Each structure stands twice: as C-alpha cells, then as structure tokens.
Amino acid sequence: MALKDLRERIATEKQNLNTMRMNHVISPLEDTSKIKKAKTDIARMMTILAEKEQQN
C-alpha cells in the first residue's frame, strides 16, 4: 500500500470512528467493542505509516 493510500485510509477510519462515537452518544451501540477495534486499527495503520516513512 502506498503512503498516500495509507494516509487516506487513516483519515477515513478516523472519520468513521468519530461518527461511531457520535452515534453511540445519541443511541448506544449494541457492540461497543467496535469502537475499541477501530481505535486499535487506526493505531496499527499509523504505526505502519511511521515505519514506511522512516524507511524512505
């Protein structure tokens, strides 16, 4: 995955996380573990991005 694509994916996932949080405030989610999973996925992608940037 190219750096540009990875940055776009991170931005998209962050927007999805914010939307999920807002929806949870208004109407509690049935599966709140989705929020934690989304945060973990974003952190993983950011780690991969940092590693790739360091290599270049």
PDB file of N, CA and C in Angstrom:
ATOM      1  N   MET A   1       0.840  -1.169   0.000  1.00  0.00           N
ATOM      2  CA  MET A   1       0.000   0.000   0.000  1.00  0.00           C
ATOM      3  C   MET A   1       0.894   1.244   0.000  1.00  0.00           C
ATOM      4  N   ALA A   2       0.606   2.177  -0.865  1.00  0.00           N
ATOM      5  CA  ALA A   2       1.395   3.395  -0.976  1.00  0.00           C
ATOM      6  C   ALA A   2       1.124   4.315   0.213  1.00  0.00           C
ATOM      7  N   LEU A   3       2.063   5.201   0.482  1.00  0.00           N
ATOM      8  CA  LEU A   3       1.920   6.110   1.615  1.00  0.00           C
ATOM      9  C   LEU A   3       0.669   6.972   1.482  1.00  0.00           C
ATOM     10  N   LYS A   4       0.410   7.445   0.270  1.00  0.00           N
ATOM     11  CA  LYS A   4      -0.762   8.295   0.039  1.00  0.00           C
ATOM     12  C   LYS A   4      -2.044   7.531   0.358  1.00  0.00           C
ATOM     13  N   ASP A   5      -2.125   6.302  -0.111  1.00  0.00           N
ATOM     14  CA  ASP A   5      -3.306   5.474   0.146  1.00  0.00           C
ATOM     15  C   ASP A   5      -3.481   5.215   1.640  1.00  0.00           C
ATOM     16  N   LEU A   6      -2.380   4.975   2.312  1.00  0.00           N
ATOM     17  CA  LEU A   6      -2.428   4.698   3.745  1.00  0.00           C
ATOM     18  C   LEU A   6      -2.907   5.932   4.512  1.00  0.00           C
ATOM     19  N   ARG A   7      -2.413   7.096   4.133  1.00  0.00           N
ATOM     20  CA  ARG A   7      -2.859   8.339   4.791  1.00  0.00           C
ATOM     21  C   ARG A   7      -4.353   8.565   4.572  1.00  0.00           C
ATOM     22  N   GLU A   8      -4.819   8.306   3.361  1.00  0.00           N
ATOM     23  CA  GLU A   8      -6.247   8.459   3.060  1.00  0.00           C
ATOM     24  C   GLU A   8      -7.087   7.476   3.869  1.00  0.00           C
ATOM     25  N   ARG A   9      -6.599   6.261   3.974  1.00  0.00           N
ATOM     26  CA  ARG A   9      -7.325   5.234   4.740  1.00  0.00           C
ATOM     27  C   ARG A   9      -7.402   5.607   6.214  1.00  0.00           C
ATOM     28  N   ILE A  10      -6.306   6.135   6.766  1.00  0.00           N
ATOM     29  CA  ILE A  10      -6.304   6.560   8.168  1.00  0.00           C
ATOM     30  C   ILE A  10      -7.320   7.677   8.376  1.00  0.00           C
ATOM     31  N   ALA A  11      -7.335   8.648   7.473  1.00  0.00           N
ATOM     32  CA  ALA A  11      -8.289   9.761   7.579  1.00  0.00           C
ATOM     33  C   ALA A  11      -9.724   9.249   7.534  1.00  0.00           C
ATOM     34  N   THR A  12      -9.991   8.322   6.638  1.00  0.00           N
ATOM     35  CA  THR A  12     -11.331   7.755   6.507  1.00  0.00           C
ATOM     36  C   THR A  12     -11.730   7.007   7.778  1.00  0.00           C
ATOM     37  N   GLU A  13     -10.812   6.217   8.296  1.00  0.00           N
ATOM     38  CA  GLU A  13     -11.104   5.450   9.511  1.00  0.00           C
ATOM     39  C   GLU A  13     -11.325   6.363  10.712  1.00  0.00           C
ATOM     40  N   LYS A  14     -10.594   7.468  10.780  1.00  0.00           N
ATOM     41  CA  LYS A  14     -10.792   8.432  11.874  1.00  0.00           C
ATOM     42  C   LYS A  14     -12.174   9.063  11.780  1.00  0.00           C
ATOM     43  N   GLN A  15     -12.615   9.371  10.557  1.00  0.00           N
ATOM     44  CA  GLN A  15     -13.957   9.921  10.371  1.00  0.00           C
ATOM     45  C   GLN A  15     -15.015   8.907  10.780  1.00  0.00           C
ATOM     46  N   ASN A  16     -14.799   7.652  10.407  1.00  0.00           N
ATOM     47  CA  ASN A  16     -15.745   6.598  10.787  1.00  0.00           C
ATOM     48  C   ASN A  16     -15.806   6.442  12.308  1.00  0.00           C
ATOM     49  N   LEU A  17     -14.648   6.540  12.968  1.00  0.00           N
ATOM     50  CA  LEU A  17     -14.602   6.427  14.426  1.00  0.00           C
ATOM     51  C   LEU A  17     -15.377   7.575  15.062  1.00  0.00           C
ATOM     52  N   ASN A  18     -15.176   8.789  14.572  1.00  0.00           N
ATOM     53  CA  ASN A  18     -15.908   9.934  15.122  1.00  0.00           C
ATOM     54  C   ASN A  18     -17.415   9.782  14.933  1.00  0.00           C
ATOM     55  N   THR A  19     -17.803   9.300  13.765  1.00  0.00           N
ATOM     56  CA  THR A  19     -19.219   9.061  13.502  1.00  0.00           C
ATOM     57  C   THR A  19     -19.771   8.010  14.457  1.00  0.00           C
ATOM     58  N   MET A  20     -19.002   6.957  14.655  1.00  0.00           N
ATOM     59  CA  MET A  20     -19.417   5.888  15.553  1.00  0.00           C
ATOM     60  C   MET A  20     -19.586   6.414  16.978  1.00  0.00           C
ATOM     61  N   ARG A  21     -18.650   7.253  17.411  1.00  0.00           N
ATOM     62  CA  ARG A  21     -18.733   7.822  18.769  1.00  0.00           C
ATOM     63  C   ARG A  21     -19.971   8.708  18.910  1.00  0.00           C
ATOM     64  N   MET A  22     -20.227   9.541  17.906  1.00  0.00           N
ATOM     65  CA  MET A  22     -21.399  10.417  17.960  1.00  0.00           C
ATOM     66  C   MET A  22     -22.684   9.597  17.992  1.00  0.00           C
ATOM     67  N   ASN A  23     -22.751   8.560  17.186  1.00  0.00           N
ATOM     68  CA  ASN A  23     -23.930   7.694  17.178  1.00  0.00           C
ATOM     69  C   ASN A  23     -24.093   7.001  18.524  1.00  0.00           C
ATOM     70  N   HIS A  24     -22.989   6.665  19.160  1.00  0.00           N
ATOM     71  CA  HIS A  24     -23.041   5.989  20.459  1.00  0.00           C
ATOM     72  C   HIS A  24     -23.587   6.923  21.533  1.00  0.00           C
ATOM     73  N   VAL A  25     -23.263   8.208  21.442  1.00  0.00           N
ATOM     74  CA  VAL A  25     -23.766   9.177  22.410  1.00  0.00           C
ATOM     75  C   VAL A  25     -25.285   9.328  22.253  1.00  0.00           C
ATOM     76  N   ILE A  26     -25.726   9.385  21.021  1.00  0.00           N
ATOM     77  CA  ILE A  26     -27.155   9.583  20.750  1.00  0.00           C
ATOM     78  C   ILE A  26     -27.946   8.320  21.068  1.00  0.00           C
ATOM     79  N   SER A  27     -27.474   7.211  20.564  1.00  0.00           N
ATOM     80  CA  SER A  27     -28.151   5.931  20.763  1.00  0.00           C
ATOM     81  C   SER A  27     -27.073   4.872  20.972  1.00  0.00           C
ATOM     82  N   PRO A  28     -26.948   4.340  22.189  1.00  0.00           N
ATOM     83  CA  PRO A  28     -25.874   3.389  22.483  1.00  0.00           C
ATOM     84  C   PRO A  28     -25.778   2.248  21.476  1.00  0.00           C
ATOM     85  N   LEU A  29     -24.542   1.954  21.096  1.00  0.00           N
ATOM     86  CA  LEU A  29     -24.292   0.856  20.172  1.00  0.00           C
ATOM     87  C   LEU A  29     -24.537  -0.474  20.867  1.00  0.00           C
ATOM     88  N   GLU A  30     -24.952  -1.461  20.093  1.00  0.00           N
ATOM     89  CA  GLU A  30     -25.135  -2.795  20.657  1.00  0.00           C
ATOM     90  C   GLU A  30     -23.785  -3.432  20.975  1.00  0.00           C
ATOM     91  N   ASP A  31     -22.803  -3.191  20.102  1.00  0.00           N
ATOM     92  CA  ASP A  31     -21.481  -3.788  20.264  1.00  0.00           C
ATOM     93  C   ASP A  31     -20.439  -2.676  20.400  1.00  0.00           C
ATOM     94  N   THR A  32     -20.178  -2.271  21.646  1.00  0.00           N
ATOM     95  CA  THR A  32     -19.245  -1.164  21.888  1.00  0.00           C
ATOM     96  C   THR A  32     -17.797  -1.550  21.626  1.00  0.00           C
ATOM     97  N   SER A  33     -17.521  -2.820  21.455  1.00  0.00           N
ATOM     98  CA  SER A  33     -16.150  -3.244  21.170  1.00  0.00           C
ATOM     99  C   SER A  33     -15.704  -2.774  19.785  1.00  0.00           C
ATOM    100  N   LYS A  34     -16.656  -2.386  18.939  1.00  0.00           N
ATOM    101  CA  LYS A  34     -16.313  -1.873  17.609  1.00  0.00           C
ATOM    102  C   LYS A  34     -15.505  -0.586  17.712  1.00  0.00           C
ATOM    103  N   ILE A  35     -15.804   0.232  18.736  1.00  0.00           N
ATOM    104  CA  ILE A  35     -15.064   1.481  18.936  1.00  0.00           C
ATOM    105  C   ILE A  35     -13.615   1.165  19.282  1.00  0.00           C
ATOM    106  N   LYS A  36     -13.415   0.229  20.198  1.00  0.00           N
ATOM    107  CA  LYS A  36     -12.055  -0.147  20.587  1.00  0.00           C
ATOM    108  C   LYS A  36     -11.304  -0.755  19.410  1.00  0.00           C
ATOM    109  N   LYS A  37     -11.964  -1.587  18.641  1.00  0.00           N
ATOM    110  CA  LYS A  37     -11.331  -2.218  17.480  1.00  0.00           C
ATOM    111  C   LYS A  37     -10.926  -1.160  16.453  1.00  0.00           C
ATOM    112  N   ALA A  38     -11.787  -0.172  16.241  1.00  0.00           N
ATOM    113  CA  ALA A  38     -11.481   0.898  15.281  1.00  0.00           C
ATOM    114  C   ALA A  38     -10.259   1.688  15.747  1.00  0.00           C
ATOM    115  N   LYS A  39     -10.190   1.994  17.036  1.00  0.00           N
ATOM    116  CA  LYS A  39      -9.038   2.731  17.570  1.00  0.00           C
ATOM    117  C   LYS A  39      -7.758   1.924  17.408  1.00  0.00           C
ATOM    118  N   THR A  40      -7.845   0.637  17.653  1.00  0.00           N
ATOM    119  CA  THR A  40      -6.674  -0.243  17.511  1.00  0.00           C
ATOM    120  C   THR A  40      -6.223  -0.320  16.060  1.00  0.00           C
ATOM    121  N   ASP A  41      -7.179  -0.432  15.146  1.00  0.00           N
ATOM    122  CA  ASP A  41      -6.847  -0.491  13.720  1.00  0.00           C
ATOM    123  C   ASP A  41      -6.173   0.793  13.254  1.00  0.00           C
ATOM    124  N   ILE A  42      -6.667   1.939  13.719  1.00  0.00           N
ATOM    125  CA  ILE A  42      -6.065   3.224  13.351  1.00  0.00           C
ATOM    126  C   ILE A  42      -4.644   3.296  13.882  1.00  0.00           C
ATOM    127  N   ALA A  43      -4.437   2.868  15.113  1.00  0.00           N
ATOM    128  CA  ALA A  43      -3.093   2.887  15.699  1.00  0.00           C
ATOM    129  C   ALA A  43      -2.142   1.990  14.913  1.00  0.00           C
ATOM    130  N   ARG A  44      -2.611   0.837  14.489  1.00  0.00           N
ATOM    131  CA  ARG A  44      -1.782  -0.071  13.686  1.00  0.00           C
ATOM    132  C   ARG A  44      -1.383   0.576  12.364  1.00  0.00           C
ATOM    133  N   MET A  45      -2.372   1.195  11.716  1.00  0.00           N
ATOM    134  CA  MET A  45      -2.088   1.837  10.433  1.00  0.00           C
ATOM    135  C   MET A  45      -1.105   2.993  10.600  1.00  0.00           C
ATOM    136  N   MET A  46      -1.245   3.739  11.684  1.00  0.00           N
ATOM    137  CA  MET A  46      -0.328   4.849  11.930  1.00  0.00           C
ATOM    138  C   MET A  46       1.088   4.343  12.207  1.00  0.00           C
ATOM    139  N   THR A  47       1.190   3.208  12.879  1.00  0.00           N
ATOM    140  CA  THR A  47       2.495   2.599  13.130  1.00  0.00           C
ATOM    141  C   THR A  47       3.138   2.165  11.821  1.00  0.00           C
ATOM    142  N   ILE A  48       2.366   1.530  10.968  1.00  0.00           N
ATOM    143  CA  ILE A  48       2.880   1.094   9.665  1.00  0.00           C
ATOM    144  C   ILE A  48       3.311   2.301   8.841  1.00  0.00           C
ATOM    145  N   LEU A  49       2.513   3.362   8.876  1.00  0.00           N
ATOM    146  CA  LEU A  49       2.856   4.586   8.147  1.00  0.00           C
ATOM    147  C   LEU A  49       4.180   5.158   8.650  1.00  0.00           C
ATOM    148  N   ALA A  50       4.358   5.225   9.960  1.00  0.00           N
ATOM    149  CA  ALA A  50       5.586   5.754  10.534  1.00  0.00           C
ATOM    150  C   ALA A  50       6.794   4.912  10.116  1.00  0.00           C
ATOM    151  N   GLU A  51       6.631   3.595  10.125  1.00  0.00           N
ATOM    152  CA  GLU A  51       7.717   2.699   9.723  1.00  0.00           C
ATOM    153  C   GLU A  51       8.091   2.915   8.255  1.00  0.00           C
ATOM    154  N   LYS A  52       7.068   3.048   7.396  1.00  0.00           N
ATOM    155  CA  LYS A  52       7.328   3.249   5.972  1.00  0.00           C
ATOM    156  C   LYS A  52       7.986   4.591   5.707  1.00  0.00           C
ATOM    157  N   GLU A  53       7.558   5.615   6.431  1.00  0.00           N
ATOM    158  CA  GLU A  53       8.154   6.940   6.264  1.00  0.00           C
ATOM    159  C   GLU A  53       9.611   6.934   6.724  1.00  0.00           C
ATOM    160  N   GLN A  54       9.896   6.175   7.752  1.00  0.00           N
ATOM    161  CA  GLN A  54      11.256   6.091   8.279  1.00  0.00           C
ATOM    162  C   GLN A  54      12.177   5.395   7.280  1.00  0.00           C
ATOM    163  N   GLN A  55      11.651   4.424   6.562  1.00  0.00           N
ATOM    164  CA  GLN A  55      12.447   3.680   5.589  1.00  0.00           C
ATOM    165  C   GLN A  55      12.815   4.559   4.390  1.00  0.00           C
ATOM    166  N   ASN A  56      11.950   5.490   4.058  1.00  0.00           N
ATOM    167  CA  ASN A  56      12.187   6.342   2.887  1.00  0.00           C
ATOM    168  C   ASN A  56      13.084   7.468   3.210  1.00  0.00           C
TER     169      ASN A  56
END
